[in-house]
Amino acid sequence: MNLKALAVMLALACAAGSSAAASFDCVTPVFPDYSSSSDGVRRVERQVQAWRKCHAEYRAVQDTAAVARLNDEVNADMEKWIAATRAYLTRQGVSAPGLMRLEREQAMQVPLRGGAYASGKK
């Protein structure tokens, strides 16, 4: 293999690596129908926090309609899970601080153009 061919291959490999690094690879949270314990709520809370962090980092670099749509779907699924979990825990007479934190954070989400979200804090 000559030097020129090697240089071309290295350039192509570097270009592929940088585009792969910019690809959206955030793991979406898995929402059960409802969570029946504080441990279950904390498990979902950790997934949501990881999602939000990854999504915000990606959005700062490259905001696309597909990613905004996926974020809207995650928020809708989270709202359903919160409502179902709140109903279950209320029937059981149990409090879940993690659920309250997620509800508060979700309430502070302000819709922006294109389905993206930003904190409602000033």
PDB file of N, CA and C in Angstrom:
ATOM      1  N   MET A   1       0.857  -1.166   0.000  1.00  0.00           N
ATOM      2  CA  MET A   1       0.000   0.000   0.000  1.00  0.00           C
ATOM      3  C   MET A   1       0.904   1.230   0.000  1.00  0.00           C
ATOM      4  N   ASN A   2       0.591   2.175  -0.879  1.00  0.00           N
ATOM      5  CA  ASN A   2       1.441   3.359  -0.937  1.00  0.00           C
ATOM      6  C   ASN A   2       1.005   4.384   0.110  1.00  0.00           C
ATOM      7  N   LEU A   3       1.817   5.379   0.302  1.00  0.00           N
ATOM      8  CA  LEU A   3       1.590   6.394   1.329  1.00  0.00           C
ATOM      9  C   LEU A   3       0.336   7.222   1.059  1.00  0.00           C
ATOM     10  N   LYS A   4       0.087   7.491  -0.214  1.00  0.00           N
ATOM     11  CA  LYS A   4      -1.093   8.291  -0.563  1.00  0.00           C
ATOM     12  C   LYS A   4      -2.377   7.532  -0.215  1.00  0.00           C
ATOM     13  N   ALA A   5      -2.437   6.260  -0.516  1.00  0.00           N
ATOM     14  CA  ALA A   5      -3.615   5.441  -0.206  1.00  0.00           C
ATOM     15  C   ALA A   5      -3.828   5.354   1.303  1.00  0.00           C
ATOM     16  N   LEU A   6      -2.745   5.230   2.045  1.00  0.00           N
ATOM     17  CA  LEU A   6      -2.837   5.184   3.501  1.00  0.00           C
ATOM     18  C   LEU A   6      -3.382   6.498   4.054  1.00  0.00           C
ATOM     19  N   ALA A   7      -2.918   7.613   3.512  1.00  0.00           N
ATOM     20  CA  ALA A   7      -3.395   8.930   3.953  1.00  0.00           C
ATOM     21  C   ALA A   7      -4.883   9.088   3.676  1.00  0.00           C
ATOM     22  N   VAL A   8      -5.342   8.627   2.518  1.00  0.00           N
ATOM     23  CA  VAL A   8      -6.770   8.700   2.176  1.00  0.00           C
ATOM     24  C   VAL A   8      -7.586   7.844   3.136  1.00  0.00           C
ATOM     25  N   MET A   9      -7.111   6.638   3.418  1.00  0.00           N
ATOM     26  CA  MET A   9      -7.832   5.754   4.348  1.00  0.00           C
ATOM     27  C   MET A   9      -7.918   6.368   5.742  1.00  0.00           C
ATOM     28  N   LEU A  10      -6.820   6.962   6.214  1.00  0.00           N
ATOM     29  CA  LEU A  10      -6.827   7.605   7.528  1.00  0.00           C
ATOM     30  C   LEU A  10      -7.787   8.787   7.556  1.00  0.00           C
ATOM     31  N   ALA A  11      -7.815   9.573   6.494  1.00  0.00           N
ATOM     32  CA  ALA A  11      -8.730  10.721   6.428  1.00  0.00           C
ATOM     33  C   ALA A  11     -10.175  10.248   6.470  1.00  0.00           C
ATOM     34  N   LEU A  12     -10.482   9.181   5.716  1.00  0.00           N
ATOM     35  CA  LEU A  12     -11.844   8.642   5.724  1.00  0.00           C
ATOM     36  C   LEU A  12     -12.220   8.095   7.098  1.00  0.00           C
ATOM     37  N   ALA A  13     -11.300   7.431   7.748  1.00  0.00           N
ATOM     38  CA  ALA A  13     -11.562   6.884   9.083  1.00  0.00           C
ATOM     39  C   ALA A  13     -11.810   7.998  10.082  1.00  0.00           C
ATOM     40  N   CYS A  14     -11.029   9.072  10.001  1.00  0.00           N
ATOM     41  CA  CYS A  14     -11.222  10.205  10.915  1.00  0.00           C
ATOM     42  C   CYS A  14     -12.558  10.882  10.673  1.00  0.00           C
ATOM     43  N   ALA A  15     -12.943  11.041   9.413  1.00  0.00           N
ATOM     44  CA  ALA A  15     -14.220  11.671   9.087  1.00  0.00           C
ATOM     45  C   ALA A  15     -15.372  10.819   9.601  1.00  0.00           C
ATOM     46  N   ALA A  16     -15.271   9.503   9.434  1.00  0.00           N
ATOM     47  CA  ALA A  16     -16.325   8.610   9.925  1.00  0.00           C
ATOM     48  C   ALA A  16     -16.402   8.658  11.439  1.00  0.00           C
ATOM     49  N   GLY A  17     -15.280   8.749  12.109  1.00  0.00           N
ATOM     50  CA  GLY A  17     -15.268   8.811  13.568  1.00  0.00           C
ATOM     51  C   GLY A  17     -15.909  10.072  14.095  1.00  0.00           C
ATOM     52  N   SER A  18     -15.632  11.214  13.445  1.00  0.00           N
ATOM     53  CA  SER A  18     -16.209  12.469  13.937  1.00  0.00           C
ATOM     54  C   SER A  18     -17.702  12.519  13.690  1.00  0.00           C
ATOM     55  N   SER A  19     -18.182  11.963  12.568  1.00  0.00           N
ATOM     56  CA  SER A  19     -19.628  11.967  12.337  1.00  0.00           C
ATOM     57  C   SER A  19     -20.313  10.991  13.284  1.00  0.00           C
ATOM     58  N   ALA A  20     -19.656   9.894  13.634  1.00  0.00           N
ATOM     59  CA  ALA A  20     -20.245   8.952  14.584  1.00  0.00           C
ATOM     60  C   ALA A  20     -20.329   9.569  15.968  1.00  0.00           C
ATOM     61  N   ALA A  21     -19.323  10.372  16.324  1.00  0.00           N
ATOM     62  CA  ALA A  21     -19.328  11.013  17.637  1.00  0.00           C
ATOM     63  C   ALA A  21     -20.457  12.026  17.732  1.00  0.00           C
ATOM     64  N   ALA A  22     -20.816  12.640  16.588  1.00  0.00           N
ATOM     65  CA  ALA A  22     -21.875  13.645  16.586  1.00  0.00           C
ATOM     66  C   ALA A  22     -23.256  13.009  16.481  1.00  0.00           C
ATOM     67  N   SER A  23     -23.340  11.691  16.269  1.00  0.00           N
ATOM     68  CA  SER A  23     -24.642  11.046  16.132  1.00  0.00           C
ATOM     69  C   SER A  23     -25.359  11.000  17.480  1.00  0.00           C
ATOM     70  N   PHE A  24     -26.673  10.970  17.410  1.00  0.00           N
ATOM     71  CA  PHE A  24     -27.487  10.987  18.616  1.00  0.00           C
ATOM     72  C   PHE A  24     -27.577   9.575  19.164  1.00  0.00           C
ATOM     73  N   ASP A  25     -26.930   9.342  20.303  1.00  0.00           N
ATOM     74  CA  ASP A  25     -26.923   7.995  20.875  1.00  0.00           C
ATOM     75  C   ASP A  25     -27.384   7.989  22.327  1.00  0.00           C
ATOM     76  N   CYS A  26     -28.241   8.935  22.687  1.00  0.00           N
ATOM     77  CA  CYS A  26     -28.773   8.977  24.052  1.00  0.00           C
ATOM     78  C   CYS A  26     -29.747   7.813  24.247  1.00  0.00           C
ATOM     79  N   VAL A  27     -29.692   7.205  25.409  1.00  0.00           N
ATOM     80  CA  VAL A  27     -30.575   6.082  25.724  1.00  0.00           C
ATOM     81  C   VAL A  27     -31.868   6.640  26.302  1.00  0.00           C
ATOM     82  N   THR A  28     -32.978   6.340  25.638  1.00  0.00           N
ATOM     83  CA  THR A  28     -34.266   6.835  26.132  1.00  0.00           C
ATOM     84  C   THR A  28     -34.660   6.076  27.394  1.00  0.00           C
ATOM     85  N   PRO A  29     -35.288   6.773  28.339  1.00  0.00           N
ATOM     86  CA  PRO A  29     -35.719   6.101  29.567  1.00  0.00           C
ATOM     87  C   PRO A  29     -36.784   5.044  29.267  1.00  0.00           C
ATOM     88  N   VAL A  30     -36.783   4.000  30.063  1.00  0.00           N
ATOM     89  CA  VAL A  30     -37.806   2.957  29.955  1.00  0.00           C
ATOM     90  C   VAL A  30     -38.811   3.198  31.070  1.00  0.00           C
ATOM     91  N   PHE A  31     -40.045   3.502  30.687  1.00  0.00           N
ATOM     92  CA  PHE A  31     -41.080   3.783  31.671  1.00  0.00           C
ATOM     93  C   PHE A  31     -41.977   2.567  31.841  1.00  0.00           C
ATOM     94  N   PRO A  32     -42.037   2.020  33.052  1.00  0.00           N
ATOM     95  CA  PRO A  32     -43.006   0.951  33.297  1.00  0.00           C
ATOM     96  C   PRO A  32     -44.411   1.563  33.295  1.00  0.00           C
ATOM     97  N   ASP A  33     -45.435   0.725  33.348  1.00  0.00           N
ATOM     98  CA  ASP A  33     -46.803   1.264  33.417  1.00  0.00           C
ATOM     99  C   ASP A  33     -46.924   2.206  34.611  1.00  0.00           C
ATOM    100  N   TYR A  34     -46.358   1.792  35.732  1.00  0.00           N
ATOM    101  CA  TYR A  34     -46.270   2.618  36.939  1.00  0.00           C
ATOM    102  C   TYR A  34     -45.204   2.013  37.828  1.00  0.00           C
ATOM    103  N   SER A  35     -44.714   2.805  38.759  1.00  0.00           N
ATOM    104  CA  SER A  35     -43.731   2.298  39.726  1.00  0.00           C
ATOM    105  C   SER A  35     -44.426   2.144  41.060  1.00  0.00           C
ATOM    106  N   SER A  36     -44.163   1.027  41.719  1.00  0.00           N
ATOM    107  CA  SER A  36     -44.878   0.716  42.960  1.00  0.00           C
ATOM    108  C   SER A  36     -44.026   0.914  44.214  1.00  0.00           C
ATOM    109  N   SER A  37     -42.803   1.400  44.030  1.00  0.00           N
ATOM    110  CA  SER A  37     -41.938   1.598  45.188  1.00  0.00           C
ATOM    111  C   SER A  37     -41.028   2.791  44.959  1.00  0.00           C
ATOM    112  N   SER A  38     -40.447   3.283  46.048  1.00  0.00           N
ATOM    113  CA  SER A  38     -39.485   4.380  45.939  1.00  0.00           C
ATOM    114  C   SER A  38     -38.272   3.956  45.116  1.00  0.00           C
ATOM    115  N   ASP A  39     -37.866   2.690  45.238  1.00  0.00           N
ATOM    116  CA  ASP A  39     -36.739   2.194  44.439  1.00  0.00           C
ATOM    117  C   ASP A  39     -37.064   2.256  42.942  1.00  0.00           C
ATOM    118  N   GLY A  40     -38.276   1.875  42.594  1.00  0.00           N
ATOM    119  CA  GLY A  40     -38.703   1.937  41.196  1.00  0.00           C
ATOM    120  C   GLY A  40     -38.725   3.362  40.677  1.00  0.00           C
ATOM    121  N   VAL A  41     -39.192   4.280  41.507  1.00  0.00           N
ATOM    122  CA  VAL A  41     -39.218   5.694  41.129  1.00  0.00           C
ATOM    123  C   VAL A  41     -37.792   6.202  40.944  1.00  0.00           C
ATOM    124  N   ARG A  42     -36.898   5.852  41.853  1.00  0.00           N
ATOM    125  CA  ARG A  42     -35.502   6.295  41.752  1.00  0.00           C
ATOM    126  C   ARG A  42     -34.837   5.731  40.491  1.00  0.00           C
ATOM    127  N   ARG A  43     -35.175   4.508  40.144  1.00  0.00           N
ATOM    128  CA  ARG A  43     -34.605   3.886  38.949  1.00  0.00           C
ATOM    129  C   ARG A  43     -35.012   4.692  37.695  1.00  0.00           C
ATOM    130  N   VAL A  44     -36.276   5.038  37.607  1.00  0.00           N
ATOM    131  CA  VAL A  44     -36.748   5.832  36.470  1.00  0.00           C
ATOM    132  C   VAL A  44     -36.157   7.238  36.536  1.00  0.00           C
ATOM    133  N   GLU A  45     -36.077   7.804  37.730  1.00  0.00           N
ATOM    134  CA  GLU A  45     -35.524   9.145  37.904  1.00  0.00           C
ATOM    135  C   GLU A  45     -34.085   9.205  37.375  1.00  0.00           C
ATOM    136  N   ARG A  46     -33.276   8.189  37.680  1.00  0.00           N
ATOM    137  CA  ARG A  46     -31.889   8.156  37.188  1.00  0.00           C
ATOM    138  C   ARG A  46     -31.853   8.098  35.659  1.00  0.00           C
ATOM    139  N   GLN A  47     -32.737   7.303  35.076  1.00  0.00           N
ATOM    140  CA  GLN A  47     -32.786   7.205  33.615  1.00  0.00           C
ATOM    141  C   GLN A  47     -33.184   8.540  32.990  1.00  0.00           C
ATOM    142  N   VAL A  48     -34.146   9.225  33.595  1.00  0.00           N
ATOM    143  CA  VAL A  48     -34.602  10.520  33.074  1.00  0.00           C
ATOM    144  C   VAL A  48     -33.480  11.550  33.191  1.00  0.00           C
ATOM    145  N   GLN A  49     -32.781  11.555  34.323  1.00  0.00           N
ATOM    146  CA  GLN A  49     -31.671  12.496  34.491  1.00  0.00           C
ATOM    147  C   GLN A  49     -30.581  12.250  33.451  1.00  0.00           C
ATOM    148  N   ALA A  50     -30.255  10.993  33.205  1.00  0.00           N
ATOM    149  CA  ALA A  50     -29.237  10.657  32.195  1.00  0.00           C
ATOM    150  C   ALA A  50     -29.707  11.090  30.808  1.00  0.00           C
ATOM    151  N   TRP A  51     -30.991  10.863  30.513  1.00  0.00           N
ATOM    152  CA  TRP A  51     -31.549  11.273  29.228  1.00  0.00           C
ATOM    153  C   TRP A  51     -31.446  12.791  29.060  1.00  0.00           C
ATOM    154  N   ARG A  52     -31.891  13.522  30.056  1.00  0.00           N
ATOM    155  CA  ARG A  52     -31.889  14.983  29.961  1.00  0.00           C
ATOM    156  C   ARG A  52     -30.481  15.537  29.778  1.00  0.00           C
ATOM    157  N   LYS A  53     -29.523  14.970  30.498  1.00  0.00           N
ATOM    158  CA  LYS A  53     -28.140  15.433  30.381  1.00  0.00           C
ATOM    159  C   LYS A  53     -27.611  15.160  28.975  1.00  0.00           C
ATOM    160  N   CYS A  54     -27.798  13.944  28.502  1.00  0.00           N
ATOM    161  CA  CYS A  54     -27.310  13.564  27.172  1.00  0.00           C
ATOM    162  C   CYS A  54     -28.018  14.391  26.096  1.00  0.00           C
ATOM    163  N   HIS A  55     -29.334  14.531  26.210  1.00  0.00           N
ATOM    164  CA  HIS A  55     -30.110  15.285  25.222  1.00  0.00           C
ATOM    165  C   HIS A  55     -29.657  16.740  25.176  1.00  0.00           C
ATOM    166  N   ALA A  56     -29.435  17.349  26.334  1.00  0.00           N
ATOM    167  CA  ALA A  56     -28.999  18.753  26.383  1.00  0.00           C
ATOM    168  C   ALA A  56     -27.613  18.912  25.755  1.00  0.00           C
ATOM    169  N   GLU A  57     -26.718  17.968  26.023  1.00  0.00           N
ATOM    170  CA  GLU A  57     -25.372  18.034  25.438  1.00  0.00           C
ATOM    171  C   GLU A  57     -25.433  17.916  23.922  1.00  0.00           C
ATOM    172  N   TYR A  58     -26.264  17.013  23.439  1.00  0.00           N
ATOM    173  CA  TYR A  58     -26.385  16.830  21.993  1.00  0.00           C
ATOM    174  C   TYR A  58     -27.031  18.050  21.352  1.00  0.00           C
ATOM    175  N   ARG A  59     -28.104  18.541  21.979  1.00  0.00           N
ATOM    176  CA  ARG A  59     -28.840  19.678  21.432  1.00  0.00           C
ATOM    177  C   ARG A  59     -27.975  20.933  21.365  1.00  0.00           C
ATOM    178  N   ALA A  60     -27.031  21.064  22.284  1.00  0.00           N
ATOM    179  CA  ALA A  60     -26.130  22.222  22.262  1.00  0.00           C
ATOM    180  C   ALA A  60     -25.248  22.214  21.021  1.00  0.00           C
ATOM    181  N   VAL A  61     -24.977  21.030  20.489  1.00  0.00           N
ATOM    182  CA  VAL A  61     -24.116  20.895  19.322  1.00  0.00           C
ATOM    183  C   VAL A  61     -24.931  20.853  18.032  1.00  0.00           C
ATOM    184  N   GLN A  62     -26.013  20.090  18.051  1.00  0.00           N
ATOM    185  CA  GLN A  62     -26.789  19.878  16.828  1.00  0.00           C
ATOM    186  C   GLN A  62     -28.236  19.607  17.204  1.00  0.00           C
ATOM    187  N   ASP A  63     -29.106  20.549  16.909  1.00  0.00           N
ATOM    188  CA  ASP A  63     -30.526  20.399  17.233  1.00  0.00           C
ATOM    189  C   ASP A  63     -31.278  20.012  15.967  1.00  0.00           C
ATOM    190  N   THR A  64     -31.938  18.865  15.995  1.00  0.00           N
ATOM    191  CA  THR A  64     -32.681  18.419  14.824  1.00  0.00           C
ATOM    192  C   THR A  64     -34.139  18.187  15.194  1.00  0.00           C
ATOM    193  N   ALA A  65     -34.994  18.219  14.197  1.00  0.00           N
ATOM    194  CA  ALA A  65     -36.423  18.000  14.420  1.00  0.00           C
ATOM    195  C   ALA A  65     -36.678  16.588  14.950  1.00  0.00           C
ATOM    196  N   ALA A  66     -35.930  15.607  14.464  1.00  0.00           N
ATOM    197  CA  ALA A  66     -36.121  14.221  14.905  1.00  0.00           C
ATOM    198  C   ALA A  66     -35.790  14.073  16.389  1.00  0.00           C
ATOM    199  N   VAL A  67     -34.728  14.724  16.831  1.00  0.00           N
ATOM    200  CA  VAL A  67     -34.337  14.649  18.241  1.00  0.00           C
ATOM    201  C   VAL A  67     -35.354  15.383  19.101  1.00  0.00           C
ATOM    202  N   ALA A  68     -35.851  16.531  18.625  1.00  0.00           N
ATOM    203  CA  ALA A  68     -36.876  17.269  19.360  1.00  0.00           C
ATOM    204  C   ALA A  68     -38.146  16.439  19.475  1.00  0.00           C
ATOM    205  N   ARG A  69     -38.507  15.741  18.410  1.00  0.00           N
ATOM    206  CA  ARG A  69     -39.699  14.877  18.427  1.00  0.00           C
ATOM    207  C   ARG A  69     -39.511  13.738  19.430  1.00  0.00           C
ATOM    208  N   LEU A  70     -38.332  13.139  19.457  1.00  0.00           N
ATOM    209  CA  LEU A  70     -38.054  12.068  20.412  1.00  0.00           C
ATOM    210  C   LEU A  70     -38.128  12.598  21.844  1.00  0.00           C
ATOM    211  N   ASN A  71     -37.631  13.806  22.071  1.00  0.00           N
ATOM    212  CA  ASN A  71     -37.718  14.409  23.400  1.00  0.00           C
ATOM    213  C   ASN A  71     -39.174  14.636  23.799  1.00  0.00           C
ATOM    214  N   ASP A  72     -39.998  15.061  22.845  1.00  0.00           N
ATOM    215  CA  ASP A  72     -41.431  15.239  23.119  1.00  0.00           C
ATOM    216  C   ASP A  72     -42.080  13.909  23.501  1.00  0.00           C
ATOM    217  N   GLU A  73     -41.690  12.840  22.817  1.00  0.00           N
ATOM    218  CA  GLU A  73     -42.232  11.514  23.127  1.00  0.00           C
ATOM    219  C   GLU A  73     -41.815  11.071  24.524  1.00  0.00           C
ATOM    220  N   VAL A  74     -40.555  11.305  24.881  1.00  0.00           N
ATOM    221  CA  VAL A  74     -40.074  10.945  26.221  1.00  0.00           C
ATOM    222  C   VAL A  74     -40.858  11.729  27.271  1.00  0.00           C
ATOM    223  N   ASN A  75     -41.061  13.038  27.036  1.00  0.00           N
ATOM    224  CA  ASN A  75     -41.816  13.843  27.996  1.00  0.00           C
ATOM    225  C   ASN A  75     -43.262  13.372  28.122  1.00  0.00           C
ATOM    226  N   ALA A  76     -43.892  13.010  27.010  1.00  0.00           N
ATOM    227  CA  ALA A  76     -45.268  12.512  27.059  1.00  0.00           C
ATOM    228  C   ALA A  76     -45.338  11.185  27.818  1.00  0.00           C
ATOM    229  N   ASP A  77     -44.390  10.281  27.537  1.00  0.00           N
ATOM    230  CA  ASP A  77     -44.356   8.997  28.257  1.00  0.00           C
ATOM    231  C   ASP A  77     -44.116   9.216  29.747  1.00  0.00           C
ATOM    232  N   MET A  78     -43.250  10.179  30.070  1.00  0.00           N
ATOM    233  CA  MET A  78     -42.977  10.454  31.480  1.00  0.00           C
ATOM    234  C   MET A  78     -44.217  10.994  32.173  1.00  0.00           C
ATOM    235  N   GLU A  79     -44.968  11.866  31.514  1.00  0.00           N
ATOM    236  CA  GLU A  79     -46.189  12.398  32.116  1.00  0.00           C
ATOM    237  C   GLU A  79     -47.194  11.287  32.395  1.00  0.00           C
ATOM    238  N   LYS A  80     -47.337  10.341  31.457  1.00  0.00           N
ATOM    239  CA  LYS A  80     -48.241   9.202  31.672  1.00  0.00           C
ATOM    240  C   LYS A  80     -47.766   8.363  32.865  1.00  0.00           C
ATOM    241  N   TRP A  81     -46.451   8.104  32.909  1.00  0.00           N
ATOM    242  CA  TRP A  81     -45.893   7.301  34.008  1.00  0.00           C
ATOM    243  C   TRP A  81     -46.083   8.015  35.347  1.00  0.00           C
ATOM    244  N   ILE A  82     -45.835   9.325  35.379  1.00  0.00           N
ATOM    245  CA  ILE A  82     -46.014  10.084  36.621  1.00  0.00           C
ATOM    246  C   ILE A  82     -47.459   9.991  37.095  1.00  0.00           C
ATOM    247  N   ALA A  83     -48.409  10.193  36.177  1.00  0.00           N
ATOM    248  CA  ALA A  83     -49.830  10.142  36.554  1.00  0.00           C
ATOM    249  C   ALA A  83     -50.214   8.763  37.083  1.00  0.00           C
ATOM    250  N   ALA A  84     -49.776   7.712  36.401  1.00  0.00           N
ATOM    251  CA  ALA A  84     -50.114   6.349  36.829  1.00  0.00           C
ATOM    252  C   ALA A  84     -49.442   6.002  38.154  1.00  0.00           C
ATOM    253  N   THR A  85     -48.180   6.408  38.319  1.00  0.00           N
ATOM    254  CA  THR A  85     -47.467   6.139  39.568  1.00  0.00           C
ATOM    255  C   THR A  85     -48.073   6.918  40.716  1.00  0.00           C
ATOM    256  N   ARG A  86     -48.398   8.189  40.464  1.00  0.00           N
ATOM    257  CA  ARG A  86     -49.029   9.024  41.493  1.00  0.00           C
ATOM    258  C   ARG A  86     -50.355   8.385  41.936  1.00  0.00           C
ATOM    259  N   ALA A  87     -51.162   7.928  40.985  1.00  0.00           N
ATOM    260  CA  ALA A  87     -52.445   7.292  41.319  1.00  0.00           C
ATOM    261  C   ALA A  87     -52.224   6.032  42.150  1.00  0.00           C
ATOM    262  N   TYR A  88     -51.271   5.196  41.753  1.00  0.00           N
ATOM    263  CA  TYR A  88     -51.001   3.965  42.499  1.00  0.00           C
ATOM    264  C   TYR A  88     -50.520   4.283  43.910  1.00  0.00           C
ATOM    265  N   LEU A  89     -49.530   5.180  44.021  1.00  0.00           N
ATOM    266  CA  LEU A  89     -48.973   5.484  45.342  1.00  0.00           C
ATOM    267  C   LEU A  89     -50.007   6.150  46.252  1.00  0.00           C
ATOM    268  N   THR A  90     -50.883   6.966  45.672  1.00  0.00           N
ATOM    269  CA  THR A  90     -51.940   7.596  46.470  1.00  0.00           C
ATOM    270  C   THR A  90     -52.891   6.540  47.027  1.00  0.00           C
ATOM    271  N   ARG A  91     -53.254   5.562  46.189  1.00  0.00           N
ATOM    272  CA  ARG A  91     -54.124   4.473  46.669  1.00  0.00           C
ATOM    273  C   ARG A  91     -53.453   3.685  47.784  1.00  0.00           C
ATOM    274  N   GLN A  92     -52.127   3.574  47.719  1.00  0.00           N
ATOM    275  CA  GLN A  92     -51.389   2.816  48.732  1.00  0.00           C
ATOM    276  C   GLN A  92     -51.044   3.663  49.959  1.00  0.00           C
ATOM    277  N   GLY A  93     -51.261   4.971  49.862  1.00  0.00           N
ATOM    278  CA  GLY A  93     -50.915   5.860  50.971  1.00  0.00           C
ATOM    279  C   GLY A  93     -49.414   6.032  51.145  1.00  0.00           C
ATOM    280  N   VAL A  94     -48.684   6.000  50.046  1.00  0.00           N
ATOM    281  CA  VAL A  94     -47.223   6.076  50.079  1.00  0.00           C
ATOM    282  C   VAL A  94     -46.764   7.364  49.395  1.00  0.00           C
ATOM    283  N   SER A  95     -45.690   7.943  49.917  1.00  0.00           N
ATOM    284  CA  SER A  95     -45.092   9.137  49.310  1.00  0.00           C
ATOM    285  C   SER A  95     -43.786   8.740  48.640  1.00  0.00           C
ATOM    286  N   ALA A  96     -43.477   9.385  47.524  1.00  0.00           N
ATOM    287  CA  ALA A  96     -42.218   9.115  46.820  1.00  0.00           C
ATOM    288  C   ALA A  96     -41.565  10.446  46.477  1.00  0.00           C
ATOM    289  N   PRO A  97     -40.545  10.853  47.256  1.00  0.00           N
ATOM    290  CA  PRO A  97     -39.882  12.136  46.992  1.00  0.00           C
ATOM    291  C   PRO A  97     -39.318  12.244  45.577  1.00  0.00           C
ATOM    292  N   GLY A  98     -38.815  11.153  45.038  1.00  0.00           N
ATOM    293  CA  GLY A  98     -38.263  11.176  43.675  1.00  0.00           C
ATOM    294  C   GLY A  98     -39.331  11.532  42.655  1.00  0.00           C
ATOM    295  N   LEU A  99     -40.535  11.017  42.855  1.00  0.00           N
ATOM    296  CA  LEU A  99     -41.632  11.326  41.944  1.00  0.00           C
ATOM    297  C   LEU A  99     -41.981  12.811  42.026  1.00  0.00           C
ATOM    298  N   MET A 100     -41.976  13.342  43.230  1.00  0.00           N
ATOM    299  CA  MET A 100     -42.280  14.764  43.400  1.00  0.00           C
ATOM    300  C   MET A 100     -41.229  15.635  42.708  1.00  0.00           C
ATOM    301  N   ARG A 101     -39.967  15.232  42.789  1.00  0.00           N
ATOM    302  CA  ARG A 101     -38.908  15.980  42.097  1.00  0.00           C
ATOM    303  C   ARG A 101     -39.138  15.970  40.592  1.00  0.00           C
ATOM    304  N   LEU A 102     -39.455  14.787  40.047  1.00  0.00           N
ATOM    305  CA  LEU A 102     -39.690  14.686  38.608  1.00  0.00           C
ATOM    306  C   LEU A 102     -40.914  15.497  38.190  1.00  0.00           C
ATOM    307  N   GLU A 103     -41.962  15.478  39.008  1.00  0.00           N
ATOM    308  CA  GLU A 103     -43.148  16.278  38.697  1.00  0.00           C
ATOM    309  C   GLU A 103     -42.795  17.764  38.668  1.00  0.00           C
ATOM    310  N   ARG A 104     -42.024  18.200  39.640  1.00  0.00           N
ATOM    311  CA  ARG A 104     -41.632  19.607  39.725  1.00  0.00           C
ATOM    312  C   ARG A 104     -40.778  19.996  38.509  1.00  0.00           C
ATOM    313  N   GLU A 105     -39.814  19.141  38.160  1.00  0.00           N
ATOM    314  CA  GLU A 105     -38.967  19.428  37.005  1.00  0.00           C
ATOM    315  C   GLU A 105     -39.781  19.444  35.719  1.00  0.00           C
ATOM    316  N   GLN A 106     -40.710  18.523  35.600  1.00  0.00           N
ATOM    317  CA  GLN A 106     -41.546  18.448  34.406  1.00  0.00           C
ATOM    318  C   GLN A 106     -42.421  19.688  34.297  1.00  0.00           C
ATOM    319  N   ALA A 107     -42.936  20.170  35.410  1.00  0.00           N
ATOM    320  CA  ALA A 107     -43.775  21.371  35.403  1.00  0.00           C
ATOM    321  C   ALA A 107     -42.976  22.600  35.005  1.00  0.00           C
ATOM    322  N   MET A 108     -41.664  22.591  35.256  1.00  0.00           N
ATOM    323  CA  MET A 108     -40.821  23.742  34.938  1.00  0.00           C
ATOM    324  C   MET A 108     -40.365  23.749  33.486  1.00  0.00           C
ATOM    325  N   GLN A 109     -40.647  22.674  32.745  1.00  0.00           N
ATOM    326  CA  GLN A 109     -40.253  22.616  31.342  1.00  0.00           C
ATOM    327  C   GLN A 109     -41.130  23.570  30.540  1.00  0.00           C
ATOM    328  N   VAL A 110     -40.494  24.460  29.774  1.00  0.00           N
ATOM    329  CA  VAL A 110     -41.206  25.443  28.967  1.00  0.00           C
ATOM    330  C   VAL A 110     -41.027  25.073  27.501  1.00  0.00           C
ATOM    331  N   PRO A 111     -42.129  24.843  26.765  1.00  0.00           N
ATOM    332  CA  PRO A 111     -41.969  24.491  25.348  1.00  0.00           C
ATOM    333  C   PRO A 111     -41.343  25.631  24.562  1.00  0.00           C
ATOM    334  N   LEU A 112     -40.400  25.281  23.696  1.00  0.00           N
ATOM    335  CA  LEU A 112     -39.770  26.249  22.801  1.00  0.00           C
ATOM    336  C   LEU A 112     -40.130  25.877  21.366  1.00  0.00           C
ATOM    337  N   ARG A 113     -39.773  26.720  20.445  1.00  0.00           N
ATOM    338  CA  ARG A 113     -40.005  26.455  19.038  1.00  0.00           C
ATOM    339  C   ARG A 113     -39.348  25.136  18.648  1.00  0.00           C
ATOM    340  N   GLY A 114     -40.018  24.321  17.857  1.00  0.00           N
ATOM    341  CA  GLY A 114     -39.454  23.072  17.350  1.00  0.00           C
ATOM    342  C   GLY A 114     -39.551  21.925  18.344  1.00  0.00           C
ATOM    343  N   GLY A 115     -40.300  22.064  19.429  1.00  0.00           N
ATOM    344  CA  GLY A 115     -40.490  20.974  20.366  1.00  0.00           C
ATOM    345  C   GLY A 115     -39.380  20.812  21.383  1.00  0.00           C
ATOM    346  N   ALA A 116     -38.363  21.674  21.348  1.00  0.00           N
ATOM    347  CA  ALA A 116     -37.280  21.586  22.340  1.00  0.00           C
ATOM    348  C   ALA A 116     -37.776  22.177  23.645  1.00  0.00           C
ATOM    349  N   TYR A 117     -37.089  21.899  24.709  1.00  0.00           N
ATOM    350  CA  TYR A 117     -37.490  22.380  26.009  1.00  0.00           C
ATOM    351  C   TYR A 117     -36.308  23.044  26.708  1.00  0.00           C
ATOM    352  N   ALA A 118     -36.626  24.018  27.528  1.00  0.00           N
ATOM    353  CA  ALA A 118     -35.614  24.681  28.329  1.00  0.00           C
ATOM    354  C   ALA A 118     -36.215  24.923  29.701  1.00  0.00           C
ATOM    355  N   SER A 119     -35.381  25.103  30.664  1.00  0.00           N
ATOM    356  CA  SER A 119     -35.855  25.336  32.010  1.00  0.00           C
ATOM    357  C   SER A 119     -36.629  26.644  32.066  1.00  0.00           C
ATOM    358  N   GLY A 120     -37.683  26.665  32.861  1.00  0.00           N
ATOM    359  CA  GLY A 120     -38.493  27.863  33.025  1.00  0.00           C
ATOM    360  C   GLY A 120     -37.893  28.834  34.010  1.00  0.00           C
ATOM    361  N   LYS A 121     -36.736  28.501  34.598  1.00  0.00           N
ATOM    362  CA  LYS A 121     -36.091  29.374  35.571  1.00  0.00           C
ATOM    363  C   LYS A 121     -35.556  30.615  34.893  1.00  0.00           C
ATOM    364  N   LYS A 122     -35.559  31.728  35.597  1.00  0.00           N
ATOM    365  CA  LYS A 122     -34.990  32.964  35.064  1.00  0.00           C
ATOM    366  C   LYS A 122     -33.633  33.204  35.655  1.00  0.00           C
TER     367      LYS A 122
END
